[in-house]
PDB file of all heavy atoms in Angstrom:
ATOM      1  N   SER A   1       0.764  -1.216   0.000  1.00  0.00           N
ATOM      2  CA  SER A   1      -0.005  -0.020   0.014  1.00  0.00           C
ATOM      3  C   SER A   1       0.922   1.227  -0.062  1.00  0.00           C
ATOM      4  O   SER A   1       2.033   1.247   0.581  1.00  0.00           O
ATOM      5  CB  SER A   1      -0.866   0.035   1.236  1.00  0.00           C
ATOM      6  OG  SER A   1      -1.794  -1.042   1.223  1.00  0.00           O
ATOM      7  N   LEU A   2       0.336   2.344  -0.508  1.00  0.00           N
ATOM      8  CA  LEU A   2       0.855   3.639  -0.509  1.00  0.00           C
ATOM      9  C   LEU A   2      -0.194   4.600  -0.359  1.00  0.00           C
ATOM     10  O   LEU A   2      -1.325   4.481  -0.879  1.00  0.00           O
ATOM     11  CB  LEU A   2       1.722   3.965  -1.773  1.00  0.00           C
ATOM     12  CG  LEU A   2       3.150   3.369  -1.900  1.00  0.00           C
ATOM     13  CD1 LEU A   2       3.682   3.732  -3.248  1.00  0.00           C
ATOM     14  CD2 LEU A   2       4.022   3.929  -0.865  1.00  0.00           C
ATOM     15  N   ARG A   3       0.121   5.775   0.239  1.00  0.00           N
ATOM     16  CA  ARG A   3      -0.841   6.886   0.332  1.00  0.00           C
ATOM     17  C   ARG A   3      -0.198   8.138  -0.253  1.00  0.00           C
ATOM     18  O   ARG A   3       0.751   8.626   0.190  1.00  0.00           O
ATOM     19  CB  ARG A   3      -1.200   7.191   1.762  1.00  0.00           C
ATOM     20  CG  ARG A   3      -2.289   8.177   1.954  1.00  0.00           C
ATOM     21  CD  ARG A   3      -2.378   8.741   3.374  1.00  0.00           C
ATOM     22  NE  ARG A   3      -3.675   9.411   3.643  1.00  0.00           N
ATOM     23  CZ  ARG A   3      -3.761  10.274   4.667  1.00  0.00           C
ATOM     24  NH1 ARG A   3      -2.735  10.477   5.492  1.00  0.00           N
ATOM     25  NH2 ARG A   3      -4.906  10.908   4.881  1.00  0.00           N
ATOM     26  N   LEU A   4      -0.835   8.558  -1.347  1.00  0.00           N
ATOM     27  CA  LEU A   4      -0.329   9.798  -2.055  1.00  0.00           C
ATOM     28  C   LEU A   4      -1.050  11.047  -1.423  1.00  0.00           C
ATOM     29  O   LEU A   4      -2.221  10.863  -1.115  1.00  0.00           O
ATOM     30  CB  LEU A   4      -0.576   9.704  -3.557  1.00  0.00           C
ATOM     31  CG  LEU A   4       0.033   8.504  -4.277  1.00  0.00           C
ATOM     32  CD1 LEU A   4      -0.169   8.663  -5.728  1.00  0.00           C
ATOM     33  CD2 LEU A   4       1.501   8.348  -3.957  1.00  0.00           C
ATOM     34  N   SER A   5      -0.434  12.142  -1.394  1.00  0.00           N
ATOM     35  CA  SER A   5      -0.978  13.312  -1.052  1.00  0.00           C
ATOM     36  C   SER A   5      -0.684  14.452  -2.023  1.00  0.00           C
ATOM     37  O   SER A   5       0.305  14.419  -2.696  1.00  0.00           O
ATOM     38  CB  SER A   5      -0.353  13.859   0.394  1.00  0.00           C
ATOM     39  OG  SER A   5      -0.604  12.929   1.345  1.00  0.00           O
ATOM     40  N   CYS A   6      -1.689  15.314  -2.118  1.00  0.00           N
ATOM     41  CA  CYS A   6      -1.564  16.513  -2.998  1.00  0.00           C
ATOM     42  C   CYS A   6      -1.958  17.673  -2.310  1.00  0.00           C
ATOM     43  O   CYS A   6      -3.089  17.913  -1.879  1.00  0.00           O
ATOM     44  CB  CYS A   6      -2.515  16.280  -4.285  1.00  0.00           C
ATOM     45  SG  CYS A   6      -2.507  17.586  -5.365  1.00  0.00           S
ATOM     46  N   ALA A   7      -1.009  18.548  -2.023  1.00  0.00           N
ATOM     47  CA  ALA A   7      -1.237  19.750  -1.315  1.00  0.00           C
ATOM     48  C   ALA A   7      -1.439  20.899  -2.317  1.00  0.00           C
ATOM     49  O   ALA A   7      -0.657  21.117  -3.225  1.00  0.00           O
ATOM     50  CB  ALA A   7       0.008  20.102  -0.420  1.00  0.00           C
ATOM     51  N   ALA A   8      -2.515  21.706  -2.005  1.00  0.00           N
ATOM     52  CA  ALA A   8      -2.914  22.733  -2.929  1.00  0.00           C
ATOM     53  C   ALA A   8      -2.780  24.067  -2.179  1.00  0.00           C
ATOM     54  O   ALA A   8      -3.110  24.192  -1.004  1.00  0.00           O
ATOM     55  CB  ALA A   8      -4.332  22.559  -3.390  1.00  0.00           C
ATOM     56  N   SER A   9      -2.306  25.083  -2.937  1.00  0.00           N
ATOM     57  CA  SER A   9      -2.351  26.435  -2.463  1.00  0.00           C
ATOM     58  C   SER A   9      -3.445  27.195  -3.219  1.00  0.00           C
ATOM     59  O   SER A   9      -3.800  26.883  -4.320  1.00  0.00           O
ATOM     60  CB  SER A   9      -0.988  27.108  -2.708  1.00  0.00           C
ATOM     61  OG  SER A   9      -0.685  27.186  -4.072  1.00  0.00           O
ATOM     62  N   GLY A  10      -4.061  28.072  -2.492  1.00  0.00           N
ATOM     63  CA  GLY A  10      -5.145  28.962  -3.022  1.00  0.00           C
ATOM     64  C   GLY A  10      -6.323  28.926  -2.119  1.00  0.00           C
ATOM     65  O   GLY A  10      -6.725  27.791  -1.657  1.00  0.00           O
ATOM     66  N   ARG A  11      -6.922  29.971  -1.929  1.00  0.00           N
ATOM     67  CA  ARG A  11      -8.078  30.063  -0.922  1.00  0.00           C
ATOM     68  C   ARG A  11      -9.329  29.503  -1.486  1.00  0.00           C
ATOM     69  O   ARG A  11     -10.305  29.400  -0.712  1.00  0.00           O
ATOM     70  CB  ARG A  11      -8.211  31.519  -0.468  1.00  0.00           C
ATOM     71  CG  ARG A  11      -8.601  32.442  -1.528  1.00  0.00           C
ATOM     72  CD  ARG A  11      -8.462  33.899  -1.004  1.00  0.00           C
ATOM     73  NE  ARG A  11      -9.317  34.216   0.112  1.00  0.00           N
ATOM     74  CZ  ARG A  11     -10.589  34.658   0.079  1.00  0.00           C
ATOM     75  NH1 ARG A  11     -11.064  34.908  -1.188  1.00  0.00           N
ATOM     76  NH2 ARG A  11     -11.244  34.872   1.127  1.00  0.00           N
ATOM     77  N   THR A  12      -9.435  29.278  -2.713  1.00  0.00           N
ATOM     78  CA  THR A  12     -10.651  28.704  -3.404  1.00  0.00           C
ATOM     79  C   THR A  12     -10.543  27.243  -3.716  1.00  0.00           C
ATOM     80  O   THR A  12     -11.291  26.735  -4.530  1.00  0.00           O
ATOM     81  CB  THR A  12     -10.945  29.498  -4.701  1.00  0.00           C
ATOM     82  OG1 THR A  12      -9.812  29.298  -5.662  1.00  0.00           O
ATOM     83  CG2 THR A  12     -11.159  30.916  -4.430  1.00  0.00           C
ATOM     84  N   PHE A  13      -9.652  26.528  -3.002  1.00  0.00           N
ATOM     85  CA  PHE A  13      -9.418  25.080  -3.192  1.00  0.00           C
ATOM     86  C   PHE A  13     -10.742  24.295  -3.148  1.00  0.00           C
ATOM     87  O   PHE A  13     -10.926  23.395  -3.985  1.00  0.00           O
ATOM     88  CB  PHE A  13      -8.441  24.603  -2.214  1.00  0.00           C
ATOM     89  CG  PHE A  13      -8.366  23.067  -2.086  1.00  0.00           C
ATOM     90  CD1 PHE A  13      -7.647  22.389  -3.011  1.00  0.00           C
ATOM     91  CD2 PHE A  13      -8.996  22.343  -1.204  1.00  0.00           C
ATOM     92  CE1 PHE A  13      -7.571  20.974  -2.981  1.00  0.00           C
ATOM     93  CE2 PHE A  13      -8.986  20.953  -1.065  1.00  0.00           C
ATOM     94  CZ  PHE A  13      -8.118  20.273  -1.966  1.00  0.00           C
ATOM     95  N   SER A  14     -11.587  24.688  -2.248  1.00  0.00           N
ATOM     96  CA  SER A  14     -12.879  23.916  -2.032  1.00  0.00           C
ATOM     97  C   SER A  14     -13.835  23.924  -3.143  1.00  0.00           C
ATOM     98  O   SER A  14     -14.756  23.176  -3.271  1.00  0.00           O
ATOM     99  CB  SER A  14     -13.598  24.340  -0.782  1.00  0.00           C
ATOM    100  OG  SER A  14     -14.045  25.685  -0.796  1.00  0.00           O
ATOM    101  N   ARG A  15     -13.642  24.882  -4.093  1.00  0.00           N
ATOM    102  CA  ARG A  15     -14.528  24.989  -5.298  1.00  0.00           C
ATOM    103  C   ARG A  15     -14.086  24.103  -6.497  1.00  0.00           C
ATOM    104  O   ARG A  15     -14.741  24.177  -7.510  1.00  0.00           O
ATOM    105  CB  ARG A  15     -14.575  26.466  -5.676  1.00  0.00           C
ATOM    106  CG  ARG A  15     -15.196  27.428  -4.707  1.00  0.00           C
ATOM    107  CD  ARG A  15     -16.656  27.081  -4.347  1.00  0.00           C
ATOM    108  NE  ARG A  15     -17.526  26.968  -5.504  1.00  0.00           N
ATOM    109  CZ  ARG A  15     -18.186  27.995  -5.891  1.00  0.00           C
ATOM    110  NH1 ARG A  15     -18.204  29.171  -5.271  1.00  0.00           N
ATOM    111  NH2 ARG A  15     -19.008  27.871  -6.947  1.00  0.00           N
ATOM    112  N   TYR A  16     -12.976  23.477  -6.312  1.00  0.00           N
ATOM    113  CA  TYR A  16     -12.542  22.654  -7.359  1.00  0.00           C
ATOM    114  C   TYR A  16     -12.711  21.151  -7.134  1.00  0.00           C
ATOM    115  O   TYR A  16     -12.535  20.640  -6.061  1.00  0.00           O
ATOM    116  CB  TYR A  16     -10.961  22.779  -7.504  1.00  0.00           C
ATOM    117  CG  TYR A  16     -10.472  24.147  -8.140  1.00  0.00           C
ATOM    118  CD1 TYR A  16     -10.365  25.240  -7.315  1.00  0.00           C
ATOM    119  CD2 TYR A  16     -10.272  24.201  -9.513  1.00  0.00           C
ATOM    120  CE1 TYR A  16      -9.984  26.420  -7.800  1.00  0.00           C
ATOM    121  CE2 TYR A  16      -9.816  25.440 -10.035  1.00  0.00           C
ATOM    122  CZ  TYR A  16      -9.649  26.588  -9.152  1.00  0.00           C
ATOM    123  OH  TYR A  16      -9.343  27.778  -9.680  1.00  0.00           O
ATOM    124  N   ALA A  17     -13.104  20.388  -8.200  1.00  0.00           N
ATOM    125  CA  ALA A  17     -13.053  18.976  -8.193  1.00  0.00           C
ATOM    126  C   ALA A  17     -11.506  18.542  -8.298  1.00  0.00           C
ATOM    127  O   ALA A  17     -10.761  19.205  -8.959  1.00  0.00           O
ATOM    128  CB  ALA A  17     -13.790  18.351  -9.297  1.00  0.00           C
ATOM    129  N   MET A  18     -11.153  17.490  -7.623  1.00  0.00           N
ATOM    130  CA  MET A  18      -9.795  17.030  -7.621  1.00  0.00           C
ATOM    131  C   MET A  18      -9.679  15.625  -8.214  1.00  0.00           C
ATOM    132  O   MET A  18     -10.468  14.819  -7.922  1.00  0.00           O
ATOM    133  CB  MET A  18      -9.176  17.052  -6.219  1.00  0.00           C
ATOM    134  CG  MET A  18      -9.182  18.427  -5.511  1.00  0.00           C
ATOM    135  SD  MET A  18      -8.131  19.640  -6.412  1.00  0.00           S
ATOM    136  CE  MET A  18      -6.484  18.793  -6.154  1.00  0.00           C
ATOM    137  N   GLY A  19      -8.671  15.467  -9.040  1.00  0.00           N
ATOM    138  CA  GLY A  19      -8.486  14.177  -9.747  1.00  0.00           C
ATOM    139  C   GLY A  19      -7.083  13.610  -9.594  1.00  0.00           C
ATOM    140  O   GLY A  19      -6.142  14.393  -9.391  1.00  0.00           O
ATOM    141  N   TRP A  20      -6.957  12.381  -9.730  1.00  0.00           N
ATOM    142  CA  TRP A  20      -5.677  11.687  -9.905  1.00  0.00           C
ATOM    143  C   TRP A  20      -5.510  11.005 -11.216  1.00  0.00           C
ATOM    144  O   TRP A  20      -6.501  10.348 -11.646  1.00  0.00           O
ATOM    145  CB  TRP A  20      -5.462  10.684  -8.767  1.00  0.00           C
ATOM    146  CG  TRP A  20      -5.156  11.248  -7.398  1.00  0.00           C
ATOM    147  CD1 TRP A  20      -6.041  11.446  -6.411  1.00  0.00           C
ATOM    148  CD2 TRP A  20      -3.939  11.632  -6.925  1.00  0.00           C
ATOM    149  NE1 TRP A  20      -5.469  11.932  -5.270  1.00  0.00           N
ATOM    150  CE2 TRP A  20      -4.087  12.157  -5.643  1.00  0.00           C
ATOM    151  CE3 TRP A  20      -2.649  11.689  -7.438  1.00  0.00           C
ATOM    152  CZ2 TRP A  20      -3.091  12.655  -4.808  1.00  0.00           C
ATOM    153  CZ3 TRP A  20      -1.549  12.226  -6.649  1.00  0.00           C
ATOM    154  CH2 TRP A  20      -1.816  12.644  -5.364  1.00  0.00           C
ATOM    155  N   PHE A  21      -4.494  11.200 -11.879  1.00  0.00           N
ATOM    156  CA  PHE A  21      -4.133  10.599 -13.197  1.00  0.00           C
ATOM    157  C   PHE A  21      -2.822   9.897 -13.095  1.00  0.00           C
ATOM    158  O   PHE A  21      -1.971  10.281 -12.210  1.00  0.00           O
ATOM    159  CB  PHE A  21      -4.219  11.568 -14.354  1.00  0.00           C
ATOM    160  CG  PHE A  21      -5.547  12.258 -14.546  1.00  0.00           C
ATOM    161  CD1 PHE A  21      -5.956  13.249 -13.811  1.00  0.00           C
ATOM    162  CD2 PHE A  21      -6.360  11.781 -15.591  1.00  0.00           C
ATOM    163  CE1 PHE A  21      -7.257  13.831 -13.960  1.00  0.00           C
ATOM    164  CE2 PHE A  21      -7.565  12.310 -15.838  1.00  0.00           C
ATOM    165  CZ  PHE A  21      -8.052  13.404 -15.033  1.00  0.00           C
ATOM    166  N   ARG A  22      -2.526   9.002 -14.002  1.00  0.00           N
ATOM    167  CA  ARG A  22      -1.254   8.359 -14.008  1.00  0.00           C
ATOM    168  C   ARG A  22      -0.799   8.139 -15.425  1.00  0.00           C
ATOM    169  O   ARG A  22      -1.600   8.018 -16.349  1.00  0.00           O
ATOM    170  CB  ARG A  22      -1.216   7.069 -13.246  1.00  0.00           C
ATOM    171  CG  ARG A  22      -2.089   5.972 -13.882  1.00  0.00           C
ATOM    172  CD  ARG A  22      -2.102   4.761 -12.937  1.00  0.00           C
ATOM    173  NE  ARG A  22      -2.925   3.642 -13.507  1.00  0.00           N
ATOM    174  CZ  ARG A  22      -3.313   2.618 -12.802  1.00  0.00           C
ATOM    175  NH1 ARG A  22      -2.997   2.427 -11.561  1.00  0.00           N
ATOM    176  NH2 ARG A  22      -3.998   1.662 -13.481  1.00  0.00           N
ATOM    177  N   GLN A  23       0.533   8.158 -15.540  1.00  0.00           N
ATOM    178  CA  GLN A  23       1.173   7.800 -16.894  1.00  0.00           C
ATOM    179  C   GLN A  23       2.303   6.909 -16.712  1.00  0.00           C
ATOM    180  O   GLN A  23       3.324   7.280 -16.044  1.00  0.00           O
ATOM    181  CB  GLN A  23       1.500   9.136 -17.578  1.00  0.00           C
ATOM    182  CG  GLN A  23       1.984   8.924 -18.977  1.00  0.00           C
ATOM    183  CD  GLN A  23       2.032  10.265 -19.773  1.00  0.00           C
ATOM    184  OE1 GLN A  23       2.037  11.311 -19.213  1.00  0.00           O
ATOM    185  NE2 GLN A  23       1.933  10.137 -21.141  1.00  0.00           N
ATOM    186  N   ALA A  24       2.267   5.791 -17.394  1.00  0.00           N
ATOM    187  CA  ALA A  24       3.396   4.834 -17.386  1.00  0.00           C
ATOM    188  C   ALA A  24       4.250   5.056 -18.571  1.00  0.00           C
ATOM    189  O   ALA A  24       3.720   5.538 -19.657  1.00  0.00           O
ATOM    190  CB  ALA A  24       2.948   3.385 -17.319  1.00  0.00           C
ATOM    191  N   PRO A  25       5.575   4.613 -18.589  1.00  0.00           N
ATOM    192  CA  PRO A  25       6.357   4.757 -19.839  1.00  0.00           C
ATOM    193  C   PRO A  25       5.721   4.138 -20.968  1.00  0.00           C
ATOM    194  O   PRO A  25       5.274   2.947 -20.948  1.00  0.00           O
ATOM    195  CB  PRO A  25       7.650   3.995 -19.401  1.00  0.00           C
ATOM    196  CG  PRO A  25       7.663   4.217 -17.958  1.00  0.00           C
ATOM    197  CD  PRO A  25       6.324   4.129 -17.517  1.00  0.00           C
ATOM    198  N   GLY A  26       5.658   4.795 -22.188  1.00  0.00           N
ATOM    199  CA  GLY A  26       5.071   4.313 -23.354  1.00  0.00           C
ATOM    200  C   GLY A  26       3.578   4.278 -23.396  1.00  0.00           C
ATOM    201  O   GLY A  26       3.000   3.690 -24.385  1.00  0.00           O
ATOM    202  N   LYS A  27       2.944   4.770 -22.325  1.00  0.00           N
ATOM    203  CA  LYS A  27       1.501   4.692 -22.270  1.00  0.00           C
ATOM    204  C   LYS A  27       0.901   6.122 -22.197  1.00  0.00           C
ATOM    205  O   LYS A  27       1.676   7.031 -21.877  1.00  0.00           O
ATOM    206  CB  LYS A  27       1.074   3.980 -21.003  1.00  0.00           C
ATOM    207  CG  LYS A  27       1.472   2.517 -20.868  1.00  0.00           C
ATOM    208  CD  LYS A  27       0.738   1.644 -21.834  1.00  0.00           C
ATOM    209  CE  LYS A  27       1.134   0.191 -21.578  1.00  0.00           C
ATOM    210  NZ  LYS A  27       0.376  -0.703 -22.448  1.00  0.00           N
ATOM    211  N   GLU A  28      -0.375   6.246 -22.583  1.00  0.00           N
ATOM    212  CA  GLU A  28      -1.029   7.520 -22.517  1.00  0.00           C
ATOM    213  C   GLU A  28      -1.518   7.754 -21.097  1.00  0.00           C
ATOM    214  O   GLU A  28      -1.663   6.944 -20.268  1.00  0.00           O
ATOM    215  CB  GLU A  28      -2.230   7.472 -23.415  1.00  0.00           C
ATOM    216  CG  GLU A  28      -1.819   7.478 -24.884  1.00  0.00           C
ATOM    217  CD  GLU A  28      -2.992   7.463 -25.827  1.00  0.00           C
ATOM    218  OE1 GLU A  28      -4.199   7.401 -25.285  1.00  0.00           O
ATOM    219  OE2 GLU A  28      -2.905   7.544 -27.037  1.00  0.00           O
ATOM    220  N   ARG A  29      -1.585   9.132 -20.746  1.00  0.00           N
ATOM    221  CA  ARG A  29      -2.067   9.438 -19.420  1.00  0.00           C
ATOM    222  C   ARG A  29      -3.531   8.894 -19.269  1.00  0.00           C
ATOM    223  O   ARG A  29      -4.290   9.103 -20.161  1.00  0.00           O
ATOM    224  CB  ARG A  29      -2.065  10.956 -19.319  1.00  0.00           C
ATOM    225  CG  ARG A  29      -2.580  11.524 -17.940  1.00  0.00           C
ATOM    226  CD  ARG A  29      -2.305  12.962 -17.895  1.00  0.00           C
ATOM    227  NE  ARG A  29      -2.973  13.677 -19.037  1.00  0.00           N
ATOM    228  CZ  ARG A  29      -2.796  14.880 -19.285  1.00  0.00           C
ATOM    229  NH1 ARG A  29      -2.061  15.721 -18.469  1.00  0.00           N
ATOM    230  NH2 ARG A  29      -3.428  15.518 -20.339  1.00  0.00           N
ATOM    231  N   GLU A  30      -3.833   8.384 -18.071  1.00  0.00           N
ATOM    232  CA  GLU A  30      -5.146   7.748 -17.880  1.00  0.00           C
ATOM    233  C   GLU A  30      -5.708   8.211 -16.493  1.00  0.00           C
ATOM    234  O   GLU A  30      -4.989   8.515 -15.595  1.00  0.00           O
ATOM    235  CB  GLU A  30      -5.060   6.250 -17.904  1.00  0.00           C
ATOM    236  CG  GLU A  30      -4.337   5.637 -16.756  1.00  0.00           C
ATOM    237  CD  GLU A  30      -4.401   4.129 -16.739  1.00  0.00           C
ATOM    238  OE1 GLU A  30      -5.238   3.514 -17.319  1.00  0.00           O
ATOM    239  OE2 GLU A  30      -3.467   3.498 -16.123  1.00  0.00           O
ATOM    240  N   PHE A  31      -7.052   8.281 -16.522  1.00  0.00           N
ATOM    241  CA  PHE A  31      -7.769   8.734 -15.331  1.00  0.00           C
ATOM    242  C   PHE A  31      -7.730   7.664 -14.261  1.00  0.00           C
ATOM    243  O   PHE A  31      -7.819   6.430 -14.603  1.00  0.00           O
ATOM    244  CB  PHE A  31      -9.226   8.927 -15.714  1.00  0.00           C
ATOM    245  CG  PHE A  31     -10.172   9.084 -14.523  1.00  0.00           C
ATOM    246  CD1 PHE A  31     -10.170  10.220 -13.834  1.00  0.00           C
ATOM    247  CD2 PHE A  31     -11.037   8.030 -14.192  1.00  0.00           C
ATOM    248  CE1 PHE A  31     -11.032  10.354 -12.674  1.00  0.00           C
ATOM    249  CE2 PHE A  31     -11.874   8.165 -13.127  1.00  0.00           C
ATOM    250  CZ  PHE A  31     -11.849   9.377 -12.338  1.00  0.00           C
ATOM    251  N   VAL A  32      -7.511   7.974 -13.060  1.00  0.00           N
ATOM    252  CA  VAL A  32      -7.468   7.091 -11.918  1.00  0.00           C
ATOM    253  C   VAL A  32      -8.640   7.273 -11.019  1.00  0.00           C
ATOM    254  O   VAL A  32      -9.428   6.268 -10.759  1.00  0.00           O
ATOM    255  CB  VAL A  32      -6.105   7.219 -11.149  1.00  0.00           C
ATOM    256  CG1 VAL A  32      -6.195   6.248  -9.908  1.00  0.00           C
ATOM    257  CG2 VAL A  32      -4.960   6.898 -12.004  1.00  0.00           C
ATOM    258  N   ALA A  33      -8.830   8.453 -10.524  1.00  0.00           N
ATOM    259  CA  ALA A  33      -9.893   8.726  -9.570  1.00  0.00           C
ATOM    260  C   ALA A  33     -10.105  10.252  -9.484  1.00  0.00           C
ATOM    261  O   ALA A  33      -9.279  11.071  -9.824  1.00  0.00           O
ATOM    262  CB  ALA A  33      -9.511   8.189  -8.150  1.00  0.00           C
ATOM    263  N   ALA A  34     -11.297  10.640  -8.987  1.00  0.00           N
ATOM    264  CA  ALA A  34     -11.623  12.014  -8.706  1.00  0.00           C
ATOM    265  C   ALA A  34     -12.756  12.157  -7.734  1.00  0.00           C
ATOM    266  O   ALA A  34     -13.493  11.191  -7.430  1.00  0.00           O
ATOM    267  CB  ALA A  34     -12.177  12.679 -10.045  1.00  0.00           C
ATOM    268  N   VAL A  35     -12.719  13.345  -7.061  1.00  0.00           N
ATOM    269  CA  VAL A  35     -13.803  13.693  -6.106  1.00  0.00           C
ATOM    270  C   VAL A  35     -14.293  15.082  -6.242  1.00  0.00           C
ATOM    271  O   VAL A  35     -13.453  16.026  -6.505  1.00  0.00           O
ATOM    272  CB  VAL A  35     -13.193  13.448  -4.651  1.00  0.00           C
ATOM    273  CG1 VAL A  35     -11.965  14.392  -4.398  1.00  0.00           C
ATOM    274  CG2 VAL A  35     -14.252  13.738  -3.631  1.00  0.00           C
ATOM    275  N   THR A  36     -15.539  15.249  -6.371  1.00  0.00           N
ATOM    276  CA  THR A  36     -16.127  16.551  -6.649  1.00  0.00           C
ATOM    277  C   THR A  36     -16.098  17.501  -5.487  1.00  0.00           C
ATOM    278  O   THR A  36     -16.056  16.933  -4.284  1.00  0.00           O
ATOM    279  CB  THR A  36     -17.539  16.439  -7.160  1.00  0.00           C
ATOM    280  OG1 THR A  36     -18.408  15.894  -6.040  1.00  0.00           O
ATOM    281  CG2 THR A  36     -17.676  15.483  -8.337  1.00  0.00           C
ATOM    282  N   TRP A  37     -16.145  18.781  -5.662  1.00  0.00           N
ATOM    283  CA  TRP A  37     -16.151  19.683  -4.578  1.00  0.00           C
ATOM    284  C   TRP A  37     -17.583  19.898  -4.024  1.00  0.00           C
ATOM    285  O   TRP A  37     -17.755  20.166  -2.805  1.00  0.00           O
ATOM    286  CB  TRP A  37     -15.604  21.036  -4.956  1.00  0.00           C
ATOM    287  CG  TRP A  37     -16.344  21.784  -6.024  1.00  0.00           C
ATOM    288  CD1 TRP A  37     -16.292  21.751  -7.286  1.00  0.00           C
ATOM    289  CD2 TRP A  37     -17.477  22.672  -5.789  1.00  0.00           C
ATOM    290  NE1 TRP A  37     -17.123  22.581  -7.991  1.00  0.00           N
ATOM    291  CE2 TRP A  37     -17.923  23.223  -6.979  1.00  0.00           C
ATOM    292  CE3 TRP A  37     -18.131  23.148  -4.522  1.00  0.00           C
ATOM    293  CZ2 TRP A  37     -18.978  23.989  -7.166  1.00  0.00           C
ATOM    294  CZ3 TRP A  37     -19.144  24.057  -4.722  1.00  0.00           C
ATOM    295  CH2 TRP A  37     -19.598  24.495  -5.942  1.00  0.00           C
ATOM    296  N   ARG A  38     -18.579  19.850  -4.859  1.00  0.00           N
ATOM    297  CA  ARG A  38     -19.996  20.089  -4.449  1.00  0.00           C
ATOM    298  C   ARG A  38     -20.564  19.052  -3.612  1.00  0.00           C
ATOM    299  O   ARG A  38     -21.156  19.377  -2.549  1.00  0.00           O
ATOM    300  CB  ARG A  38     -20.861  20.259  -5.741  1.00  0.00           C
ATOM    301  CG  ARG A  38     -22.257  20.602  -5.416  1.00  0.00           C
ATOM    302  CD  ARG A  38     -23.009  20.905  -6.671  1.00  0.00           C
ATOM    303  NE  ARG A  38     -24.518  21.046  -6.357  1.00  0.00           N
ATOM    304  CZ  ARG A  38     -25.303  20.123  -6.363  1.00  0.00           C
ATOM    305  NH1 ARG A  38     -24.990  18.827  -6.679  1.00  0.00           N
ATOM    306  NH2 ARG A  38     -26.616  20.259  -6.136  1.00  0.00           N
ATOM    307  N   THR A  39     -20.432  17.821  -3.986  1.00  0.00           N
ATOM    308  CA  THR A  39     -21.109  16.687  -3.243  1.00  0.00           C
ATOM    309  C   THR A  39     -20.148  15.768  -2.591  1.00  0.00           C
ATOM    310  O   THR A  39     -20.559  14.951  -1.787  1.00  0.00           O
ATOM    311  CB  THR A  39     -22.061  15.931  -4.171  1.00  0.00           C
ATOM    312  OG1 THR A  39     -21.270  15.278  -5.214  1.00  0.00           O
ATOM    313  CG2 THR A  39     -23.077  16.854  -4.842  1.00  0.00           C
ATOM    314  N   GLY A  40     -18.859  15.830  -2.920  1.00  0.00           N
ATOM    315  CA  GLY A  40     -17.906  14.857  -2.488  1.00  0.00           C
ATOM    316  C   GLY A  40     -18.037  13.548  -3.120  1.00  0.00           C
ATOM    317  O   GLY A  40     -17.545  12.558  -2.595  1.00  0.00           O
ATOM    318  N   THR A  41     -18.584  13.487  -4.279  1.00  0.00           N
ATOM    319  CA  THR A  41     -18.812  12.235  -5.012  1.00  0.00           C
ATOM    320  C   THR A  41     -17.519  11.761  -5.510  1.00  0.00           C
ATOM    321  O   THR A  41     -16.813  12.569  -6.154  1.00  0.00           O
ATOM    322  CB  THR A  41     -19.862  12.360  -6.039  1.00  0.00           C
ATOM    323  OG1 THR A  41     -21.086  12.731  -5.483  1.00  0.00           O
ATOM    324  CG2 THR A  41     -20.097  11.042  -6.798  1.00  0.00           C
ATOM    325  N   SER A  42     -17.233  10.513  -5.424  1.00  0.00           N
ATOM    326  CA  SER A  42     -15.999   9.895  -5.915  1.00  0.00           C
ATOM    327  C   SER A  42     -16.228   9.086  -7.153  1.00  0.00           C
ATOM    328  O   SER A  42     -17.275   8.497  -7.337  1.00  0.00           O
ATOM    329  CB  SER A  42     -15.391   8.978  -4.858  1.00  0.00           C
ATOM    330  OG  SER A  42     -15.067   9.743  -3.688  1.00  0.00           O
ATOM    331  N   TYR A  43     -15.223   9.143  -8.004  1.00  0.00           N
ATOM    332  CA  TYR A  43     -15.269   8.382  -9.276  1.00  0.00           C
ATOM    333  C   TYR A  43     -13.937   7.627  -9.355  1.00  0.00           C
ATOM    334  O   TYR A  43     -12.903   8.139  -9.084  1.00  0.00           O
ATOM    335  CB  TYR A  43     -15.451   9.245 -10.544  1.00  0.00           C
ATOM    336  CG  TYR A  43     -16.717  10.122 -10.415  1.00  0.00           C
ATOM    337  CD1 TYR A  43     -16.711  11.352  -9.790  1.00  0.00           C
ATOM    338  CD2 TYR A  43     -17.886   9.677 -11.058  1.00  0.00           C
ATOM    339  CE1 TYR A  43     -17.977  12.066  -9.765  1.00  0.00           C
ATOM    340  CE2 TYR A  43     -19.047  10.325 -10.971  1.00  0.00           C
ATOM    341  CZ  TYR A  43     -19.051  11.564 -10.279  1.00  0.00           C
ATOM    342  OH  TYR A  43     -20.241  12.288 -10.235  1.00  0.00           O
ATOM    343  N   TYR A  44     -14.065   6.431 -10.003  1.00  0.00           N
ATOM    344  CA  TYR A  44     -12.790   5.583 -10.062  1.00  0.00           C
ATOM    345  C   TYR A  44     -12.812   4.865 -11.457  1.00  0.00           C
ATOM    346  O   TYR A  44     -13.801   4.497 -12.001  1.00  0.00           O
ATOM    347  CB  TYR A  44     -12.787   4.482  -8.984  1.00  0.00           C
ATOM    348  CG  TYR A  44     -12.736   5.031  -7.571  1.00  0.00           C
ATOM    349  CD1 TYR A  44     -13.867   5.240  -6.881  1.00  0.00           C
ATOM    350  CD2 TYR A  44     -11.458   5.338  -7.032  1.00  0.00           C
ATOM    351  CE1 TYR A  44     -13.801   5.738  -5.627  1.00  0.00           C
ATOM    352  CE2 TYR A  44     -11.390   5.846  -5.711  1.00  0.00           C
ATOM    353  CZ  TYR A  44     -12.572   6.061  -5.020  1.00  0.00           C
ATOM    354  OH  TYR A  44     -12.475   6.509  -3.702  1.00  0.00           O
TER     355      TYR A  44
END
């Protein structure tokens, strides 16, 4: 297991949806997960 963190600067952070993406060598960038700011809904 690993736990990744993403620290954001800016006073309007809560108005943004946040996502995680990944890119492996020779591969295209792909969606991993996201969480919305409005409802806190998660997508994977």
